[in-house]
Amino acid sequence: MLERLASANGEKVRIVKVDANANRAWAANHQIRGVPAFLFYRGGSLVHQFTGAYPEEEIQRRIDQYAVVVDGDQPAGAEPAIKPMPNEWLPPGVTRE
């Protein structure tokens, strides 16, 4: 499902999967108490998070709500961001393998 969402929303968001078991310190620092956990960052700051298994349509709705569209168009109800996240950005404490 995440792969489909990443493919469908490539111009709006960057979806990163983090193995909470392999990154326990990161998970503890972000108060991850269950999986799956979804964290939404804008401009490098956490703006929303939720935990649990949700239907793909609900996750898409939240992506639309919090995403910044690269061409400057904002989804209905979304607050404009200071700037889009750079492609190389990862959540704080996460490194590339």
N, C-alpha and C. Protein backbone atom coordinates (compact mmCIF):
# COMPACT_ATOMS: atom_id res chain seq x y z
N MET A 1 0.82 -1.19 0.00
CA MET A 1 0.00 0.00 0.00
C MET A 1 0.86 1.26 0.00
N LEU A 2 1.91 1.31 0.84
CA LEU A 2 2.76 2.50 0.88
C LEU A 2 3.44 2.74 -0.45
N GLU A 3 3.80 1.67 -1.14
CA GLU A 3 4.42 1.83 -2.45
C GLU A 3 3.46 2.48 -3.43
N ARG A 4 2.18 2.08 -3.40
CA ARG A 4 1.17 2.70 -4.27
C ARG A 4 1.00 4.17 -3.92
N LEU A 5 0.91 4.48 -2.64
CA LEU A 5 0.75 5.87 -2.21
C LEU A 5 1.97 6.70 -2.60
N ALA A 6 3.16 6.14 -2.44
CA ALA A 6 4.37 6.87 -2.82
C ALA A 6 4.38 7.14 -4.32
N SER A 7 4.01 6.16 -5.11
CA SER A 7 3.99 6.32 -6.57
C SER A 7 2.94 7.35 -6.99
N ALA A 8 1.78 7.30 -6.38
CA ALA A 8 0.69 8.20 -6.75
C ALA A 8 0.91 9.63 -6.27
N ASN A 9 1.75 9.82 -5.27
CA ASN A 9 1.92 11.14 -4.67
C ASN A 9 3.35 11.66 -4.75
N GLY A 10 4.10 11.16 -5.71
CA GLY A 10 5.51 11.51 -5.82
C GLY A 10 5.79 13.00 -5.96
N GLU A 11 4.85 13.76 -6.51
CA GLU A 11 5.04 15.20 -6.66
C GLU A 11 4.67 15.97 -5.40
N LYS A 12 3.99 15.31 -4.47
CA LYS A 12 3.51 15.99 -3.26
C LYS A 12 4.30 15.66 -2.02
N VAL A 13 4.66 14.39 -1.87
CA VAL A 13 5.27 13.95 -0.61
C VAL A 13 6.41 12.98 -0.88
N ARG A 14 7.16 12.77 0.15
CA ARG A 14 8.20 11.74 0.14
C ARG A 14 7.86 10.77 1.26
N ILE A 15 7.60 9.53 0.91
CA ILE A 15 7.25 8.52 1.91
C ILE A 15 8.50 7.72 2.24
N VAL A 16 8.81 7.67 3.54
CA VAL A 16 9.99 6.97 4.03
C VAL A 16 9.53 5.92 5.03
N LYS A 17 9.97 4.68 4.83
CA LYS A 17 9.67 3.61 5.78
C LYS A 17 10.84 3.47 6.74
N VAL A 18 10.54 3.41 8.02
CA VAL A 18 11.57 3.24 9.05
C VAL A 18 11.22 1.99 9.85
N ASP A 19 12.16 1.08 10.00
CA ASP A 19 11.97 -0.12 10.80
C ASP A 19 12.13 0.27 12.27
N ALA A 20 11.01 0.34 12.98
CA ALA A 20 11.03 0.79 14.38
C ALA A 20 11.83 -0.18 15.26
N ASN A 21 11.84 -1.47 14.94
CA ASN A 21 12.61 -2.43 15.74
C ASN A 21 14.10 -2.22 15.56
N ALA A 22 14.52 -1.90 14.34
CA ALA A 22 15.95 -1.69 14.07
C ALA A 22 16.40 -0.29 14.49
N ASN A 23 15.46 0.61 14.70
CA ASN A 23 15.76 2.00 15.08
C ASN A 23 15.03 2.36 16.36
N ARG A 24 15.26 1.56 17.39
CA ARG A 24 14.53 1.73 18.65
C ARG A 24 14.73 3.09 19.30
N ALA A 25 15.94 3.62 19.24
CA ALA A 25 16.20 4.93 19.83
C ALA A 25 15.39 6.01 19.12
N TRP A 26 15.37 5.92 17.78
CA TRP A 26 14.58 6.88 17.00
C TRP A 26 13.10 6.76 17.35
N ALA A 27 12.59 5.53 17.40
CA ALA A 27 11.19 5.30 17.71
C ALA A 27 10.84 5.82 19.11
N ALA A 28 11.71 5.58 20.07
CA ALA A 28 11.47 6.07 21.43
C ALA A 28 11.49 7.59 21.47
N ASN A 29 12.43 8.19 20.76
CA ASN A 29 12.54 9.65 20.72
C ASN A 29 11.29 10.29 20.12
N HIS A 30 10.65 9.59 19.18
CA HIS A 30 9.45 10.11 18.53
C HIS A 30 8.17 9.54 19.16
N GLN A 31 8.32 8.88 20.29
CA GLN A 31 7.20 8.34 21.06
C GLN A 31 6.32 7.42 20.23
N ILE A 32 6.96 6.59 19.41
CA ILE A 32 6.23 5.60 18.61
C ILE A 32 5.85 4.47 19.55
N ARG A 33 4.57 4.28 19.77
CA ARG A 33 4.09 3.26 20.69
C ARG A 33 3.42 2.09 19.97
N GLY A 34 3.16 2.28 18.68
CA GLY A 34 2.52 1.23 17.89
C GLY A 34 2.89 1.39 16.43
N VAL A 35 2.66 0.34 15.69
CA VAL A 35 2.92 0.39 14.26
C VAL A 35 1.68 -0.12 13.53
N PRO A 36 1.41 0.40 12.36
CA PRO A 36 2.20 1.43 11.71
C PRO A 36 1.96 2.80 12.34
N ALA A 37 2.97 3.62 12.27
CA ALA A 37 2.88 5.01 12.73
C ALA A 37 3.19 5.91 11.54
N PHE A 38 2.42 6.95 11.38
CA PHE A 38 2.59 7.88 10.27
C PHE A 38 2.93 9.25 10.84
N LEU A 39 4.05 9.81 10.40
CA LEU A 39 4.49 11.12 10.85
C LEU A 39 4.57 12.02 9.63
N PHE A 40 3.98 13.19 9.72
CA PHE A 40 3.98 14.15 8.62
C PHE A 40 4.85 15.33 9.02
N TYR A 41 5.86 15.61 8.18
CA TYR A 41 6.77 16.73 8.41
C TYR A 41 6.55 17.78 7.34
N ARG A 42 6.68 19.04 7.72
CA ARG A 42 6.64 20.13 6.77
C ARG A 42 7.72 21.11 7.19
N GLY A 43 8.60 21.46 6.26
CA GLY A 43 9.67 22.40 6.58
C GLY A 43 10.60 21.87 7.65
N GLY A 44 10.69 20.54 7.79
CA GLY A 44 11.55 19.93 8.79
C GLY A 44 10.91 19.75 10.15
N SER A 45 9.67 20.21 10.31
CA SER A 45 8.98 20.10 11.60
C SER A 45 7.81 19.12 11.51
N LEU A 46 7.62 18.36 12.57
CA LEU A 46 6.49 17.44 12.65
C LEU A 46 5.20 18.24 12.74
N VAL A 47 4.24 17.99 11.83
CA VAL A 47 2.98 18.73 11.84
C VAL A 47 1.78 17.84 12.18
N HIS A 48 1.95 16.51 12.06
CA HIS A 48 0.82 15.62 12.36
C HIS A 48 1.36 14.21 12.47
N GLN A 49 0.72 13.41 13.30
CA GLN A 49 1.05 11.99 13.35
C GLN A 49 -0.15 11.21 13.81
N PHE A 50 -0.22 9.95 13.38
CA PHE A 50 -1.26 9.04 13.84
C PHE A 50 -0.71 7.62 13.76
N THR A 51 -1.32 6.74 14.52
CA THR A 51 -0.87 5.35 14.61
C THR A 51 -2.06 4.44 14.34
N GLY A 52 -1.80 3.36 13.65
CA GLY A 52 -2.83 2.35 13.44
C GLY A 52 -3.03 2.02 11.99
N ALA A 53 -3.71 0.92 11.76
CA ALA A 53 -4.02 0.48 10.40
C ALA A 53 -5.26 1.20 9.92
N TYR A 54 -5.09 2.01 8.89
CA TYR A 54 -6.19 2.77 8.31
C TYR A 54 -6.34 2.36 6.85
N PRO A 55 -7.55 2.53 6.30
CA PRO A 55 -7.73 2.25 4.88
C PRO A 55 -6.87 3.20 4.04
N GLU A 56 -6.47 2.74 2.88
CA GLU A 56 -5.63 3.53 1.98
C GLU A 56 -6.27 4.89 1.68
N GLU A 57 -7.59 4.93 1.55
CA GLU A 57 -8.29 6.19 1.24
C GLU A 57 -8.11 7.22 2.37
N GLU A 58 -8.10 6.76 3.61
CA GLU A 58 -7.91 7.67 4.75
C GLU A 58 -6.49 8.21 4.78
N ILE A 59 -5.53 7.36 4.50
CA ILE A 59 -4.13 7.83 4.47
C ILE A 59 -3.96 8.82 3.33
N GLN A 60 -4.60 8.55 2.17
CA GLN A 60 -4.53 9.50 1.05
C GLN A 60 -5.16 10.83 1.44
N ARG A 61 -6.27 10.80 2.15
CA ARG A 61 -6.92 12.04 2.59
C ARG A 61 -5.97 12.86 3.45
N ARG A 62 -5.27 12.20 4.35
CA ARG A 62 -4.32 12.92 5.21
C ARG A 62 -3.12 13.42 4.42
N ILE A 63 -2.65 12.65 3.45
CA ILE A 63 -1.58 13.14 2.58
C ILE A 63 -2.03 14.41 1.89
N ASP A 64 -3.24 14.40 1.33
CA ASP A 64 -3.77 15.57 0.65
C ASP A 64 -3.90 16.76 1.60
N GLN A 65 -4.26 16.48 2.84
CA GLN A 65 -4.44 17.55 3.82
C GLN A 65 -3.12 18.21 4.21
N TYR A 66 -2.07 17.44 4.34
CA TYR A 66 -0.82 17.97 4.86
C TYR A 66 0.29 18.16 3.83
N ALA A 67 0.07 17.72 2.60
CA ALA A 67 1.12 17.76 1.59
C ALA A 67 1.31 19.16 1.02
N VAL A 68 2.53 19.41 0.58
CA VAL A 68 2.86 20.61 -0.16
C VAL A 68 3.09 20.18 -1.59
N VAL A 69 2.37 20.78 -2.50
CA VAL A 69 2.55 20.46 -3.91
C VAL A 69 3.70 21.30 -4.43
N VAL A 70 4.63 20.66 -5.11
CA VAL A 70 5.86 21.31 -5.55
C VAL A 70 5.60 22.52 -6.43
N ASP A 71 4.56 22.49 -7.28
CA ASP A 71 4.33 23.61 -8.19
C ASP A 71 3.66 24.79 -7.51
N GLY A 72 3.43 24.71 -6.21
CA GLY A 72 2.88 25.83 -5.46
C GLY A 72 1.41 25.74 -5.17
N ASP A 73 0.67 24.83 -5.83
CA ASP A 73 -0.75 24.67 -5.54
C ASP A 73 -0.90 23.95 -4.21
N GLN A 74 -1.83 24.39 -3.42
CA GLN A 74 -2.07 23.77 -2.13
C GLN A 74 -3.37 22.99 -2.16
N PRO A 75 -3.41 21.79 -1.58
CA PRO A 75 -4.67 21.08 -1.47
C PRO A 75 -5.65 21.89 -0.62
N ALA A 76 -6.94 21.70 -0.85
CA ALA A 76 -7.95 22.41 -0.09
C ALA A 76 -7.77 22.18 1.40
N GLY A 77 -7.74 23.23 2.17
CA GLY A 77 -7.62 23.14 3.61
C GLY A 77 -6.20 23.05 4.14
N ALA A 78 -5.22 22.93 3.26
CA ALA A 78 -3.83 22.82 3.71
C ALA A 78 -3.25 24.20 3.94
N GLU A 79 -2.46 24.31 4.98
CA GLU A 79 -1.76 25.56 5.25
C GLU A 79 -0.49 25.59 4.42
N PRO A 80 -0.16 26.73 3.83
CA PRO A 80 1.06 26.78 3.03
C PRO A 80 2.29 26.55 3.89
N ALA A 81 3.26 25.86 3.33
CA ALA A 81 4.52 25.60 4.03
C ALA A 81 5.50 26.72 3.73
N ILE A 82 6.50 26.83 4.56
CA ILE A 82 7.56 27.80 4.32
C ILE A 82 8.31 27.43 3.05
N LYS A 83 8.62 26.14 2.89
CA LYS A 83 9.29 25.66 1.69
C LYS A 83 9.11 24.15 1.62
N PRO A 84 9.14 23.59 0.40
CA PRO A 84 9.03 22.14 0.28
C PRO A 84 10.26 21.45 0.86
N MET A 85 10.09 20.20 1.26
CA MET A 85 11.21 19.43 1.78
C MET A 85 12.14 19.06 0.65
N PRO A 86 13.45 19.20 0.84
CA PRO A 86 14.38 18.76 -0.20
C PRO A 86 14.33 17.24 -0.36
N ASN A 87 14.60 16.75 -1.56
CA ASN A 87 14.52 15.32 -1.85
C ASN A 87 15.41 14.48 -0.95
N GLU A 88 16.54 15.02 -0.51
CA GLU A 88 17.47 14.23 0.31
C GLU A 88 17.11 14.23 1.79
N TRP A 89 16.07 14.98 2.20
CA TRP A 89 15.70 15.08 3.60
C TRP A 89 15.15 13.76 4.13
N LEU A 90 15.52 13.42 5.36
CA LEU A 90 14.99 12.27 6.08
C LEU A 90 14.50 12.75 7.43
N PRO A 91 13.58 12.03 8.06
CA PRO A 91 13.15 12.42 9.40
C PRO A 91 14.33 12.51 10.35
N PRO A 92 14.27 13.39 11.34
CA PRO A 92 15.38 13.53 12.28
C PRO A 92 15.74 12.19 12.92
N GLY A 93 17.03 11.88 12.92
CA GLY A 93 17.53 10.66 13.53
C GLY A 93 17.58 9.45 12.61
N VAL A 94 17.09 9.58 11.37
CA VAL A 94 17.09 8.47 10.42
C VAL A 94 18.21 8.69 9.42
N THR A 95 18.94 7.63 9.13
CA THR A 95 20.03 7.71 8.14
C THR A 95 19.75 6.75 7.01
N ARG A 96 20.33 7.03 5.86
CA ARG A 96 20.21 6.13 4.72
C ARG A 96 21.00 4.87 4.97
N GLU A 97 20.51 3.76 4.49
CA GLU A 97 21.23 2.49 4.65
C GLU A 97 22.35 2.39 3.66
